C-alpha atoms as a PDB file:
ATOM      1  CA  MET A   1     -56.159  59.964 -52.961  1.00  0.00           C
ATOM      2  CA  ILE A   2     -54.293  62.707 -51.186  1.00  0.00           C
ATOM      3  CA  ILE A   3     -51.602  64.185 -53.120  1.00  0.00           C
ATOM      4  CA  CYS A   4     -49.387  67.010 -51.906  1.00  0.00           C
ATOM      5  CA  ILE A   5     -47.518  69.095 -54.582  1.00  0.00           C
ATOM      6  CA  THR A   6     -44.378  70.768 -53.277  1.00  0.00           C
ATOM      7  CA  GLY A   7     -41.299  72.524 -54.743  1.00  0.00           C
ATOM      8  CA  SER A   8     -39.357  75.665 -54.913  1.00  0.00           C
ATOM      9  CA  VAL A   9     -41.232  78.923 -55.892  1.00  0.00           C
ATOM     10  CA  SER A  10     -42.130  79.083 -59.435  1.00  0.00           C
ATOM     11  CA  THR A  11     -41.304  75.572 -60.270  1.00  0.00           C
ATOM     12  CA  GLY A  12     -44.906  75.023 -61.616  1.00  0.00           C
ATOM     13  CA  LYS A  13     -46.745  73.534 -58.494  1.00  0.00           C
ATOM     14  CA  THR A  14     -50.082  75.340 -59.274  1.00  0.00           C
ATOM     15  CA  THR A  15     -50.233  74.649 -62.923  1.00  0.00           C
ATOM     16  CA  LEU A  16     -49.440  70.826 -62.126  1.00  0.00           C
ATOM     17  CA  ALA A  17     -51.695  70.729 -59.183  1.00  0.00           C
ATOM     18  CA  LYS A  18     -54.783  72.122 -60.786  1.00  0.00           C
ATOM     19  CA  ARG A  19     -54.382  69.644 -63.716  1.00  0.00           C
ATOM     20  CA  ILE A  20     -53.893  66.662 -61.467  1.00  0.00           C
ATOM     21  CA  ALA A  21     -57.023  67.705 -59.274  1.00  0.00           C
ATOM     22  CA  SER A  22     -58.975  67.908 -62.687  1.00  0.00           C
ATOM     23  CA  LYS A  23     -57.752  64.570 -63.956  1.00  0.00           C
ATOM     24  CA  ILE A  24     -58.474  62.757 -60.793  1.00  0.00           C
ATOM     25  CA  LYS A  25     -61.785  64.642 -60.092  1.00  0.00           C
ATOM     26  CA  GLY A  26     -60.194  65.978 -56.808  1.00  0.00           C
ATOM     27  CA  LYS A  27     -60.454  69.012 -54.946  1.00  0.00           C
ATOM     28  CA  TYR A  28     -57.624  71.552 -55.496  1.00  0.00           C
ATOM     29  CA  ILE A  29     -56.265  73.273 -52.273  1.00  0.00           C
ATOM     30  CA  ASP A  30     -54.558  76.498 -52.488  1.00  0.00           C
ATOM     31  CA  VAL A  31     -52.557  76.504 -49.175  1.00  0.00           C
ATOM     32  CA  ASN A  32     -52.035  80.307 -49.384  1.00  0.00           C
ATOM     33  CA  LYS A  33     -55.902  80.736 -49.285  1.00  0.00           C
ATOM     34  CA  ILE A  34     -55.986  78.376 -46.331  1.00  0.00           C
ATOM     35  CA  ILE A  35     -53.435  80.400 -44.463  1.00  0.00           C
ATOM     36  CA  THR A  36     -55.348  83.667 -45.124  1.00  0.00           C
ATOM     37  CA  LYS A  37     -58.850  82.106 -44.437  1.00  0.00           C
ATOM     38  CA  TYR A  38     -57.946  80.554 -41.230  1.00  0.00           C
ATOM     39  CA  LYS A  39     -55.659  83.404 -40.183  1.00  0.00           C
ATOM     40  CA  LEU A  40     -52.507  81.184 -39.839  1.00  0.00           C
ATOM     41  CA  SER A  41     -50.031  83.919 -40.630  1.00  0.00           C
ATOM     42  CA  GLU A  42     -48.120  85.105 -37.383  1.00  0.00           C
ATOM     43  CA  GLY A  43     -46.377  88.051 -39.087  1.00  0.00           C
ATOM     44  CA  TYR A  44     -44.233  88.960 -41.929  1.00  0.00           C
ATOM     45  CA  ASP A  45     -40.467  88.627 -42.351  1.00  0.00           C
ATOM     46  CA  LYS A  46     -39.496  91.675 -44.087  1.00  0.00           C
ATOM     47  CA  LYS A  47     -35.928  90.369 -44.934  1.00  0.00           C
ATOM     48  CA  ARG A  48     -37.400  87.328 -46.826  1.00  0.00           C
ATOM     49  CA  LYS A  49     -40.592  89.076 -48.003  1.00  0.00           C
ATOM     50  CA  SER A  50     -42.842  86.337 -46.835  1.00  0.00           C
ATOM     51  CA  LYS A  51     -45.493  85.454 -44.287  1.00  0.00           C
ATOM     52  CA  ILE A  52     -44.498  83.536 -41.084  1.00  0.00           C
ATOM     53  CA  VAL A  53     -46.636  80.429 -40.775  1.00  0.00           C
ATOM     54  CA  ASP A  54     -46.988  78.074 -37.910  1.00  0.00           C
ATOM     55  CA  ILE A  55     -46.531  74.653 -39.637  1.00  0.00           C
ATOM     56  CA  LYS A  56     -48.261  72.827 -36.872  1.00  0.00           C
ATOM     57  CA  LYS A  57     -51.434  75.025 -36.953  1.00  0.00           C
ATOM     58  CA  LEU A  58     -51.430  74.765 -40.732  1.00  0.00           C
ATOM     59  CA  ASN A  59     -51.178  71.007 -40.434  1.00  0.00           C
ATOM     60  CA  LYS A  60     -54.080  70.839 -38.132  1.00  0.00           C
ATOM     61  CA  VAL A  61     -56.219  72.592 -40.680  1.00  0.00           C
ATOM     62  CA  LEU A  62     -55.143  70.601 -43.631  1.00  0.00           C
ATOM     63  CA  ILE A  63     -55.613  67.263 -41.644  1.00  0.00           C
ATOM     64  CA  ASP A  64     -59.140  68.215 -40.874  1.00  0.00           C
ATOM     65  CA  LEU A  65     -59.628  69.005 -44.575  1.00  0.00           C
ATOM     66  CA  ILE A  66     -58.162  65.689 -45.527  1.00  0.00           C
ATOM     67  CA  LYS A  67     -60.313  63.881 -43.132  1.00  0.00           C
ATOM     68  CA  LYS A  68     -63.414  65.263 -44.837  1.00  0.00           C
ATOM     69  CA  SER A  69     -62.313  64.350 -48.477  1.00  0.00           C
ATOM     70  CA  LYS A  70     -61.075  61.421 -50.432  1.00  0.00           C
ATOM     71  CA  ASN A  71     -59.424  63.206 -53.135  1.00  0.00           C
ATOM     72  CA  LEU A  72     -57.468  66.360 -52.598  1.00  0.00           C
ATOM     73  CA  VAL A  73     -54.509  68.033 -54.258  1.00  0.00           C
ATOM     74  CA  ILE A  74     -52.642  70.354 -51.847  1.00  0.00           C
ATOM     75  CA  ASP A  75     -50.531  72.986 -53.533  1.00  0.00           C
ATOM     76  CA  SER A  76     -47.758  74.642 -51.535  1.00  0.00           C
ATOM     77  CA  HIS A  77     -44.031  74.607 -50.864  1.00  0.00           C
ATOM     78  CA  LEU A  78     -45.202  73.801 -47.334  1.00  0.00           C
ATOM     79  CA  SER A  79     -47.503  70.865 -48.220  1.00  0.00           C
ATOM     80  CA  HIS A  80     -44.573  68.285 -47.725  1.00  0.00           C
ATOM     81  CA  TYR A  81     -44.636  69.162 -43.935  1.00  0.00           C
ATOM     82  CA  LEU A  82     -47.805  66.981 -43.597  1.00  0.00           C
ATOM     83  CA  PRO A  83     -47.087  63.776 -41.805  1.00  0.00           C
ATOM     84  CA  LYS A  84     -46.683  61.063 -44.290  1.00  0.00           C
ATOM     85  CA  LYS A  85     -49.721  59.018 -42.831  1.00  0.00           C
ATOM     86  CA  TYR A  86     -52.035  61.440 -44.309  1.00  0.00           C
ATOM     87  CA  VAL A  87     -50.552  61.815 -47.854  1.00  0.00           C
ATOM     88  CA  ASP A  88     -50.513  59.107 -50.554  1.00  0.00           C
ATOM     89  CA  LEU A  89     -48.216  60.790 -52.797  1.00  0.00           C
ATOM     90  CA  CYS A  90     -45.702  63.893 -52.625  1.00  0.00           C
ATOM     91  CA  ILE A  91     -44.932  65.369 -55.921  1.00  0.00           C
ATOM     92  CA  VAL A  92     -41.875  67.568 -55.906  1.00  0.00           C
ATOM     93  CA  THR A  93     -41.617  70.011 -58.955  1.00  0.00           C
ATOM     94  CA  LYS A  94     -38.226  70.705 -60.258  1.00  0.00           C
ATOM     95  CA  CYS A  95     -37.144  73.196 -63.041  1.00  0.00           C
ATOM     96  CA  ASN A  96     -34.079  74.173 -65.037  1.00  0.00           C
ATOM     97  CA  LEU A  97     -32.233  77.039 -63.098  1.00  0.00           C
ATOM     98  CA  LYS A  98     -32.317  79.435 -66.139  1.00  0.00           C
ATOM     99  CA  ILE A  99     -35.838  79.067 -66.661  1.00  0.00           C
ATOM    100  CA  LEU A 100     -36.611  79.164 -63.090  1.00  0.00           C
ATOM    101  CA  LYS A 101     -34.700  82.520 -62.736  1.00  0.00           C
ATOM    102  CA  LYS A 102     -36.697  83.961 -65.650  1.00  0.00           C
ATOM    103  CA  ARG A 103     -39.949  82.920 -63.965  1.00  0.00           C
ATOM    104  CA  LEU A 104     -38.803  84.650 -60.737  1.00  0.00           C
ATOM    105  CA  GLU A 105     -37.693  87.652 -62.389  1.00  0.00           C
ATOM    106  CA  LYS A 106     -41.142  87.856 -64.164  1.00  0.00           C
ATOM    107  CA  ARG A 107     -42.699  87.830 -60.839  1.00  0.00           C
ATOM    108  CA  GLY A 108     -40.783  90.884 -60.012  1.00  0.00           C
ATOM    109  CA  TYR A 109     -38.589  89.412 -57.099  1.00  0.00           C
ATOM    110  CA  ASP A 110     -35.548  91.443 -56.169  1.00  0.00           C
ATOM    111  CA  LYS A 111     -31.926  90.012 -56.484  1.00  0.00           C
ATOM    112  CA  ASP A 112     -31.868  88.510 -52.883  1.00  0.00           C
ATOM    113  CA  LYS A 113     -35.276  86.732 -53.141  1.00  0.00           C
ATOM    114  CA  ILE A 114     -34.385  85.241 -56.603  1.00  0.00           C
ATOM    115  CA  ARG A 115     -30.909  83.963 -55.134  1.00  0.00           C
ATOM    116  CA  GLU A 116     -32.815  82.541 -52.005  1.00  0.00           C
ATOM    117  CA  ASN A 117     -35.295  80.666 -54.329  1.00  0.00           C
ATOM    118  CA  LEU A 118     -32.546  79.482 -56.689  1.00  0.00           C
ATOM    119  CA  ASP A 119     -30.489  78.232 -53.624  1.00  0.00           C
ATOM    120  CA  ALA A 120     -33.503  76.321 -52.584  1.00  0.00           C
ATOM    121  CA  GLU A 121     -33.855  74.625 -55.918  1.00  0.00           C
ATOM    122  CA  ILE A 122     -30.192  73.952 -56.214  1.00  0.00           C
ATOM    123  CA  PHE A 123     -29.995  72.384 -52.609  1.00  0.00           C
ATOM    124  CA  ASP A 124     -33.409  70.429 -53.092  1.00  0.00           C
ATOM    125  CA  VAL A 125     -34.711  71.836 -49.970  1.00  0.00           C
ATOM    126  CA  CYS A 126     -38.313  70.739 -50.532  1.00  0.00           C
ATOM    127  CA  LEU A 127     -37.321  67.354 -51.766  1.00  0.00           C
ATOM    128  CA  ASN A 128     -34.902  66.565 -48.903  1.00  0.00           C
ATOM    129  CA  GLU A 129     -37.548  67.775 -46.384  1.00  0.00           C
ATOM    130  CA  ALA A 130     -40.079  65.553 -47.972  1.00  0.00           C
ATOM    131  CA  LYS A 131     -37.697  62.485 -47.781  1.00  0.00           C
ATOM    132  CA  GLU A 132     -37.072  63.312 -44.105  1.00  0.00           C
ATOM    133  CA  LYS A 133     -40.863  63.188 -43.599  1.00  0.00           C
ATOM    134  CA  GLY A 134     -40.913  59.677 -45.140  1.00  0.00           C
ATOM    135  CA  HIS A 135     -43.203  60.656 -48.084  1.00  0.00           C
ATOM    136  CA  LYS A 136     -43.688  58.433 -51.016  1.00  0.00           C
ATOM    137  CA  ILE A 137     -42.123  60.912 -53.675  1.00  0.00           C
ATOM    138  CA  LYS A 138     -42.407  61.471 -57.455  1.00  0.00           C
ATOM    139  CA  ILE A 139     -40.149  64.071 -58.938  1.00  0.00           C
ATOM    140  CA  ILE A 140     -41.572  65.991 -62.006  1.00  0.00           C
ATOM    141  CA  ASN A 141     -39.398  68.311 -63.935  1.00  0.00           C
ATOM    142  CA  THR A 142     -41.702  71.180 -65.225  1.00  0.00           C
ATOM    143  CA  THR A 143     -38.981  73.048 -67.239  1.00  0.00           C
ATOM    144  CA  LYS A 144     -40.962  71.740 -70.461  1.00  0.00           C
ATOM    145  CA  PHE A 145     -44.382  71.681 -68.869  1.00  0.00           C
ATOM    146  CA  LYS A 146     -46.014  69.903 -71.735  1.00  0.00           C
ATOM    147  CA  GLN A 147     -43.608  66.999 -71.703  1.00  0.00           C
ATOM    148  CA  SER A 148     -43.927  66.791 -67.905  1.00  0.00           C
ATOM    149  CA  LEU A 149     -47.743  66.159 -68.014  1.00  0.00           C
ATOM    150  CA  LYS A 150     -47.201  62.730 -69.667  1.00  0.00           C
ATOM    151  CA  TYR A 151     -46.104  61.555 -66.225  1.00  0.00           C
ATOM    152  CA  ILE A 152     -49.330  62.236 -64.444  1.00  0.00           C
END
């Protein structure tokens, strides 16, 4: 089974992805490590304080990994950009805005970065993009993480 876990920053993607990978005896894929390993970053956006990634190049690498494995859990807010034919399930993590704001502050993000990420959550950016790609979607609210685990 190929599962991609997507959602706004700090909504619990990594924790959920690692637990699901363990449960299905699958391989956990950290897309940030893939970006570094395959040198897929094409620069740095100073305003947004994030790497610039060519999605087509990233998808090519991820598709190659998918073709070599039957059980993968792909963790990234970019994972929903994979074509639907390669993904069995796209899980979108959601989180209460007050909790999300605290998580972002704990990471040391400045006000603009926090606002950008809260806006992404408010407007369901990852969810809407996953829908546009035609993925089979499951939404998991990770606000109370222990409760959310009963859905996996």
